[in-house]
């Protein structure tokens, strides 16, 4: 899994090549960690955070395990694998969706208030 938080934080200060030198590894080794090809150990997270001068929690993203569920139906003899993919939603998308939900809630409140006023007008004798 691509480490988006790490990449964003690193890009603000260093290139991959600079980070790799500071961490005493090749640029390709560092790149494979950012792209999720190589798992980043807890010790490496600590070292990376120290180099970037941030908390580990600010850059660390857990690897998502892909679950494969095999479903074997003995009666038909058919075999159907089901793959459950789990994805991390980027923080900016979550924030955007939360803001949109707030707007919808506000509009919903306004419509409810308007509905109440209209009902009162209908029920008020002239």
N, C-alpha and C. Protein backbone atom coordinates (compact mmCIF):
# COMPACT_ATOMS: atom_id res chain seq x y z
N UNK A 1 0.83 -1.17 0.00
CA UNK A 1 0.00 0.00 0.00
C UNK A 1 0.89 1.24 0.00
N UNK A 2 0.59 2.17 -0.88
CA UNK A 2 1.35 3.41 -1.00
C UNK A 2 1.18 4.22 0.29
N UNK A 3 2.27 4.75 0.77
CA UNK A 3 2.28 5.52 2.02
C UNK A 3 2.11 7.00 1.69
N UNK A 4 0.87 7.42 1.44
CA UNK A 4 0.59 8.78 1.00
C UNK A 4 0.97 9.84 2.03
N UNK A 5 0.69 9.58 3.31
CA UNK A 5 1.04 10.56 4.34
C UNK A 5 2.55 10.76 4.40
N UNK A 6 3.28 9.68 4.31
CA UNK A 6 4.74 9.76 4.32
C UNK A 6 5.24 10.54 3.11
N UNK A 7 4.70 10.22 1.95
CA UNK A 7 5.14 10.86 0.71
C UNK A 7 4.89 12.38 0.77
N UNK A 8 3.68 12.78 1.20
CA UNK A 8 3.37 14.21 1.30
C UNK A 8 4.32 14.92 2.25
N UNK A 9 4.56 14.31 3.40
CA UNK A 9 5.45 14.93 4.39
C UNK A 9 6.88 15.00 3.87
N UNK A 10 7.33 13.93 3.28
CA UNK A 10 8.70 13.89 2.75
C UNK A 10 8.90 14.91 1.64
N UNK A 11 7.93 15.03 0.74
CA UNK A 11 8.06 15.95 -0.40
C UNK A 11 8.20 17.40 0.05
N UNK A 12 7.67 17.72 1.21
CA UNK A 12 7.77 19.10 1.71
C UNK A 12 9.20 19.45 2.10
N UNK A 13 10.04 18.42 2.34
CA UNK A 13 11.40 18.67 2.82
C UNK A 13 12.50 18.06 1.95
N UNK A 14 12.26 16.86 1.44
CA UNK A 14 13.33 16.12 0.78
C UNK A 14 12.86 15.41 -0.47
N UNK A 15 13.83 15.07 -1.31
CA UNK A 15 13.58 14.16 -2.42
C UNK A 15 13.74 12.74 -1.88
N UNK A 16 13.35 11.76 -2.67
CA UNK A 16 13.56 10.37 -2.26
C UNK A 16 15.05 10.10 -2.10
N UNK A 17 15.83 10.66 -2.98
CA UNK A 17 17.27 10.43 -2.93
C UNK A 17 17.87 10.99 -1.64
N UNK A 18 17.46 12.21 -1.26
CA UNK A 18 17.95 12.80 -0.01
C UNK A 18 17.54 11.95 1.20
N UNK A 19 16.27 11.52 1.21
CA UNK A 19 15.78 10.70 2.33
C UNK A 19 16.57 9.41 2.42
N UNK A 20 16.78 8.79 1.29
CA UNK A 20 17.51 7.52 1.27
C UNK A 20 18.91 7.70 1.85
N UNK A 21 19.58 8.78 1.47
CA UNK A 21 20.93 9.03 2.01
C UNK A 21 20.89 9.22 3.52
N UNK A 22 19.91 9.99 3.99
CA UNK A 22 19.79 10.24 5.42
C UNK A 22 19.47 8.96 6.21
N UNK A 23 18.81 8.02 5.54
CA UNK A 23 18.44 6.75 6.18
C UNK A 23 19.45 5.63 5.87
N UNK A 24 20.51 5.97 5.15
CA UNK A 24 21.57 5.02 4.81
C UNK A 24 21.05 3.82 4.02
N UNK A 25 20.33 4.15 2.94
CA UNK A 25 19.86 3.11 2.02
C UNK A 25 19.84 3.69 0.62
N UNK A 26 19.64 2.83 -0.35
CA UNK A 26 19.58 3.32 -1.74
C UNK A 26 18.22 3.98 -1.99
N UNK A 27 18.18 4.80 -3.02
CA UNK A 27 16.94 5.48 -3.38
C UNK A 27 15.87 4.46 -3.75
N UNK A 28 16.25 3.40 -4.45
CA UNK A 28 15.26 2.38 -4.85
C UNK A 28 14.71 1.63 -3.64
N UNK A 29 15.57 1.39 -2.63
CA UNK A 29 15.08 0.74 -1.41
C UNK A 29 14.07 1.64 -0.70
N UNK A 30 14.38 2.92 -0.64
CA UNK A 30 13.46 3.86 0.02
C UNK A 30 12.15 3.94 -0.77
N UNK A 31 12.25 4.03 -2.09
CA UNK A 31 11.06 4.11 -2.94
C UNK A 31 10.14 2.90 -2.72
N UNK A 32 10.73 1.72 -2.62
CA UNK A 32 9.93 0.51 -2.43
C UNK A 32 9.21 0.53 -1.08
N UNK A 33 9.76 1.22 -0.11
CA UNK A 33 9.07 1.37 1.17
C UNK A 33 7.88 2.32 1.04
N UNK A 34 8.08 3.42 0.31
CA UNK A 34 6.99 4.37 0.10
C UNK A 34 5.85 3.76 -0.70
N UNK A 35 6.19 2.92 -1.66
CA UNK A 35 5.15 2.32 -2.50
C UNK A 35 4.51 1.10 -1.88
N UNK A 36 5.06 0.65 -0.75
CA UNK A 36 4.48 -0.49 -0.05
C UNK A 36 5.01 -1.84 -0.52
N UNK A 37 5.99 -1.84 -1.41
CA UNK A 37 6.56 -3.10 -1.87
C UNK A 37 7.36 -3.76 -0.75
N UNK A 38 7.95 -2.93 0.12
CA UNK A 38 8.70 -3.44 1.28
C UNK A 38 8.04 -2.87 2.52
N UNK A 39 7.76 -3.74 3.48
CA UNK A 39 7.14 -3.30 4.74
C UNK A 39 8.13 -2.45 5.53
N UNK A 40 7.62 -1.37 6.10
CA UNK A 40 8.45 -0.50 6.93
C UNK A 40 8.34 -0.98 8.37
N UNK A 41 9.48 -1.32 8.96
CA UNK A 41 9.47 -1.80 10.35
C UNK A 41 9.22 -0.65 11.30
N UNK A 42 8.85 -0.97 12.54
CA UNK A 42 8.62 0.06 13.55
C UNK A 42 9.87 0.90 13.77
N UNK A 43 11.03 0.26 13.77
CA UNK A 43 12.29 0.97 13.93
C UNK A 43 12.50 1.96 12.78
N UNK A 44 12.19 1.53 11.55
CA UNK A 44 12.34 2.41 10.40
C UNK A 44 11.37 3.58 10.47
N UNK A 45 10.13 3.33 10.92
CA UNK A 45 9.16 4.42 11.09
C UNK A 45 9.74 5.47 12.04
N UNK A 46 10.35 5.00 13.12
CA UNK A 46 10.94 5.91 14.10
C UNK A 46 12.06 6.75 13.45
N UNK A 47 12.92 6.09 12.71
CA UNK A 47 14.03 6.80 12.06
C UNK A 47 13.53 7.80 11.03
N UNK A 48 12.53 7.39 10.25
CA UNK A 48 11.97 8.28 9.22
C UNK A 48 11.33 9.50 9.88
N UNK A 49 10.57 9.27 10.94
CA UNK A 49 9.92 10.38 11.65
C UNK A 49 10.96 11.35 12.21
N UNK A 50 12.05 10.80 12.73
CA UNK A 50 13.11 11.64 13.30
C UNK A 50 13.74 12.51 12.20
N UNK A 51 14.01 11.91 11.04
CA UNK A 51 14.60 12.66 9.93
C UNK A 51 13.65 13.77 9.48
N UNK A 52 12.35 13.47 9.43
CA UNK A 52 11.36 14.45 8.97
C UNK A 52 10.94 15.41 10.08
N UNK A 53 11.39 15.14 11.30
CA UNK A 53 11.06 15.97 12.46
C UNK A 53 9.55 16.04 12.69
N UNK A 54 8.92 14.85 12.66
CA UNK A 54 7.48 14.73 12.92
C UNK A 54 7.26 13.54 13.84
N UNK A 55 6.05 13.39 14.33
CA UNK A 55 5.67 12.22 15.12
C UNK A 55 5.39 11.06 14.16
N UNK A 56 5.65 9.86 14.62
CA UNK A 56 5.40 8.67 13.79
C UNK A 56 3.93 8.64 13.34
N UNK A 57 3.02 9.00 14.24
CA UNK A 57 1.59 8.97 13.92
C UNK A 57 1.23 9.90 12.76
N UNK A 58 2.05 10.93 12.54
CA UNK A 58 1.77 11.87 11.46
C UNK A 58 2.07 11.30 10.08
N UNK A 59 2.89 10.27 10.02
CA UNK A 59 3.30 9.72 8.72
C UNK A 59 2.95 8.25 8.53
N UNK A 60 2.72 7.54 9.63
CA UNK A 60 2.56 6.08 9.54
C UNK A 60 1.17 5.71 9.05
N UNK A 61 1.16 4.79 8.10
CA UNK A 61 -0.07 4.19 7.61
C UNK A 61 0.13 2.69 7.67
N UNK A 62 -0.80 2.01 8.30
CA UNK A 62 -0.70 0.57 8.43
C UNK A 62 -0.93 -0.10 7.09
N UNK A 63 -0.26 -1.20 6.88
CA UNK A 63 -0.49 -1.99 5.67
C UNK A 63 -1.83 -2.68 5.80
N UNK A 64 -2.62 -2.62 4.75
CA UNK A 64 -3.92 -3.26 4.73
C UNK A 64 -3.75 -4.66 4.18
N UNK A 65 -4.22 -5.61 4.92
CA UNK A 65 -4.10 -7.00 4.49
C UNK A 65 -5.26 -7.33 3.57
N UNK A 66 -4.95 -7.92 2.43
CA UNK A 66 -5.98 -8.33 1.51
C UNK A 66 -6.46 -9.71 1.92
N UNK A 67 -7.76 -9.82 2.15
CA UNK A 67 -8.33 -11.09 2.57
C UNK A 67 -8.83 -11.85 1.36
N UNK A 68 -8.50 -13.11 1.30
CA UNK A 68 -9.02 -13.97 0.24
C UNK A 68 -9.84 -15.05 0.91
N UNK A 69 -11.11 -15.10 0.54
CA UNK A 69 -12.02 -16.07 1.12
C UNK A 69 -12.36 -17.07 0.02
N UNK A 70 -12.09 -18.32 0.26
CA UNK A 70 -12.41 -19.35 -0.72
C UNK A 70 -13.75 -19.98 -0.36
N UNK A 71 -14.63 -20.02 -1.32
CA UNK A 71 -15.95 -20.59 -1.10
C UNK A 71 -16.06 -21.83 -1.99
N UNK A 72 -16.12 -22.99 -1.37
CA UNK A 72 -16.21 -24.23 -2.14
C UNK A 72 -17.57 -24.87 -1.89
N UNK A 73 -18.34 -25.00 -2.93
CA UNK A 73 -19.67 -25.59 -2.84
C UNK A 73 -19.57 -27.06 -3.22
N UNK A 74 -19.67 -27.92 -2.21
CA UNK A 74 -19.52 -29.36 -2.45
C UNK A 74 -20.62 -29.94 -3.33
N UNK A 75 -21.82 -29.38 -3.25
CA UNK A 75 -22.93 -29.97 -4.00
C UNK A 75 -22.75 -29.78 -5.51
N UNK A 76 -22.21 -28.67 -5.93
CA UNK A 76 -22.07 -28.45 -7.36
C UNK A 76 -20.65 -28.73 -7.84
N UNK A 77 -19.73 -28.79 -6.90
CA UNK A 77 -18.33 -29.01 -7.28
C UNK A 77 -17.69 -27.75 -7.84
N UNK A 78 -18.39 -26.62 -7.69
CA UNK A 78 -17.81 -25.38 -8.23
C UNK A 78 -16.95 -24.70 -7.17
N UNK A 79 -15.98 -24.02 -7.66
CA UNK A 79 -15.05 -23.31 -6.78
C UNK A 79 -15.08 -21.84 -7.16
N UNK A 80 -15.42 -20.97 -6.23
CA UNK A 80 -15.46 -19.53 -6.51
C UNK A 80 -14.68 -18.79 -5.43
N UNK A 81 -13.54 -18.24 -5.79
CA UNK A 81 -12.83 -17.43 -4.80
C UNK A 81 -13.43 -16.03 -4.73
N UNK A 82 -13.57 -15.51 -3.53
CA UNK A 82 -14.03 -14.15 -3.33
C UNK A 82 -12.89 -13.37 -2.71
N UNK A 83 -12.59 -12.24 -3.28
CA UNK A 83 -11.50 -11.42 -2.77
C UNK A 83 -12.10 -10.15 -2.18
N UNK A 84 -11.80 -9.91 -0.91
CA UNK A 84 -12.23 -8.68 -0.26
C UNK A 84 -11.05 -7.72 -0.25
N UNK A 85 -11.18 -6.62 -0.95
CA UNK A 85 -10.12 -5.61 -0.96
C UNK A 85 -10.47 -4.51 0.03
N UNK A 86 -9.52 -4.18 0.88
CA UNK A 86 -9.70 -3.09 1.83
C UNK A 86 -8.82 -1.94 1.38
N UNK A 87 -9.39 -0.74 1.39
CA UNK A 87 -8.65 0.42 0.91
C UNK A 87 -8.64 1.52 1.96
N UNK A 88 -7.57 2.26 2.01
CA UNK A 88 -7.52 3.47 2.84
C UNK A 88 -8.00 4.62 1.99
N UNK A 89 -8.91 5.42 2.54
CA UNK A 89 -9.40 6.59 1.84
C UNK A 89 -8.49 7.75 2.21
N UNK A 90 -7.98 8.47 1.22
CA UNK A 90 -7.09 9.60 1.54
C UNK A 90 -7.77 10.61 2.45
N UNK A 91 -7.01 11.19 3.35
CA UNK A 91 -7.52 12.12 4.35
C UNK A 91 -8.28 13.28 3.72
N UNK A 92 -7.77 13.83 2.60
CA UNK A 92 -8.44 14.97 1.98
C UNK A 92 -9.83 14.60 1.48
N UNK A 93 -10.00 13.33 1.05
CA UNK A 93 -11.33 12.91 0.59
C UNK A 93 -12.29 12.76 1.76
N UNK A 94 -11.80 12.24 2.87
CA UNK A 94 -12.63 12.09 4.06
C UNK A 94 -13.09 13.47 4.53
N UNK A 95 -12.15 14.42 4.57
CA UNK A 95 -12.47 15.78 5.00
C UNK A 95 -13.50 16.41 4.06
N UNK A 96 -13.31 16.23 2.77
CA UNK A 96 -14.24 16.78 1.79
C UNK A 96 -15.64 16.20 1.98
N UNK A 97 -15.72 14.91 2.21
CA UNK A 97 -17.02 14.27 2.40
C UNK A 97 -17.67 14.72 3.70
N UNK A 98 -16.88 14.93 4.75
CA UNK A 98 -17.43 15.42 6.01
C UNK A 98 -17.98 16.83 5.84
N UNK A 99 -17.27 17.68 5.10
CA UNK A 99 -17.75 19.03 4.83
C UNK A 99 -19.05 18.99 4.03
N UNK A 100 -19.12 18.10 3.06
CA UNK A 100 -20.33 17.97 2.25
C UNK A 100 -21.50 17.49 3.11
N UNK A 101 -21.24 16.56 4.01
CA UNK A 101 -22.30 16.09 4.91
C UNK A 101 -22.80 17.22 5.80
N UNK A 102 -21.89 18.07 6.28
CA UNK A 102 -22.30 19.21 7.10
C UNK A 102 -23.22 20.15 6.31
N UNK A 103 -22.88 20.38 5.04
CA UNK A 103 -23.71 21.23 4.19
C UNK A 103 -25.10 20.61 4.01
N UNK A 104 -25.13 19.30 3.76
CA UNK A 104 -26.41 18.61 3.59
C UNK A 104 -27.25 18.66 4.86
N UNK A 105 -26.61 18.50 6.01
CA UNK A 105 -27.33 18.58 7.28
C UNK A 105 -27.93 19.97 7.48
N UNK A 106 -27.15 20.99 7.15
CA UNK A 106 -27.63 22.36 7.28
C UNK A 106 -28.82 22.60 6.36
N UNK A 107 -28.71 22.16 5.11
CA UNK A 107 -29.82 22.32 4.17
C UNK A 107 -31.05 21.56 4.65
N UNK A 108 -30.85 20.38 5.21
CA UNK A 108 -31.95 19.58 5.72
C UNK A 108 -32.66 20.31 6.87
N UNK A 109 -31.89 20.94 7.77
CA UNK A 109 -32.48 21.71 8.87
C UNK A 109 -33.30 22.88 8.33
N UNK A 110 -32.73 23.57 7.34
CA UNK A 110 -33.43 24.71 6.75
C UNK A 110 -34.75 24.28 6.11
N UNK A 111 -34.73 23.16 5.41
CA UNK A 111 -35.95 22.67 4.77
C UNK A 111 -36.99 22.23 5.80
N UNK A 112 -36.55 21.63 6.88
CA UNK A 112 -37.47 21.24 7.95
C UNK A 112 -38.12 22.48 8.56
N UNK A 113 -37.31 23.52 8.82
CA UNK A 113 -37.84 24.76 9.39
C UNK A 113 -38.85 25.40 8.43
N UNK A 114 -38.49 25.41 7.15
CA UNK A 114 -39.38 25.96 6.14
C UNK A 114 -40.68 25.17 6.07
N UNK A 115 -40.58 23.86 6.18
CA UNK A 115 -41.75 22.99 6.15
C UNK A 115 -42.67 23.29 7.34
N UNK A 116 -42.09 23.48 8.51
CA UNK A 116 -42.88 23.80 9.70
C UNK A 116 -43.61 25.12 9.51
N UNK A 117 -42.93 26.15 8.99
CA UNK A 117 -43.54 27.46 8.75
C UNK A 117 -44.70 27.35 7.77
N UNK A 118 -44.51 26.57 6.70
CA UNK A 118 -45.58 26.40 5.71
C UNK A 118 -46.78 25.70 6.31
N UNK A 119 -46.53 24.69 7.14
CA UNK A 119 -47.64 23.98 7.79
C UNK A 119 -48.39 24.92 8.73
N UNK A 120 -47.67 25.79 9.42
CA UNK A 120 -48.30 26.75 10.33
C UNK A 120 -49.17 27.74 9.55
N UNK A 121 -48.68 28.15 8.38
CA UNK A 121 -49.44 29.08 7.55
C UNK A 121 -50.74 28.44 7.05
N UNK A 122 -50.65 27.16 6.71
CA UNK A 122 -51.84 26.45 6.22
C UNK A 122 -52.87 26.29 7.33
N UNK A 123 -52.39 26.00 8.53
CA UNK A 123 -53.29 25.76 9.67
C UNK A 123 -53.77 27.03 10.35
N UNK A 124 -53.23 28.18 10.00
CA UNK A 124 -53.63 29.44 10.60
C UNK A 124 -54.84 29.98 9.85
N UNK A 125 -55.96 30.19 10.56
CA UNK A 125 -57.15 30.73 9.88
C UNK A 125 -56.94 32.17 9.43
N UNK A 126 -57.56 32.51 8.33
CA UNK A 126 -57.43 33.86 7.80
C UNK A 126 -58.28 34.83 8.52
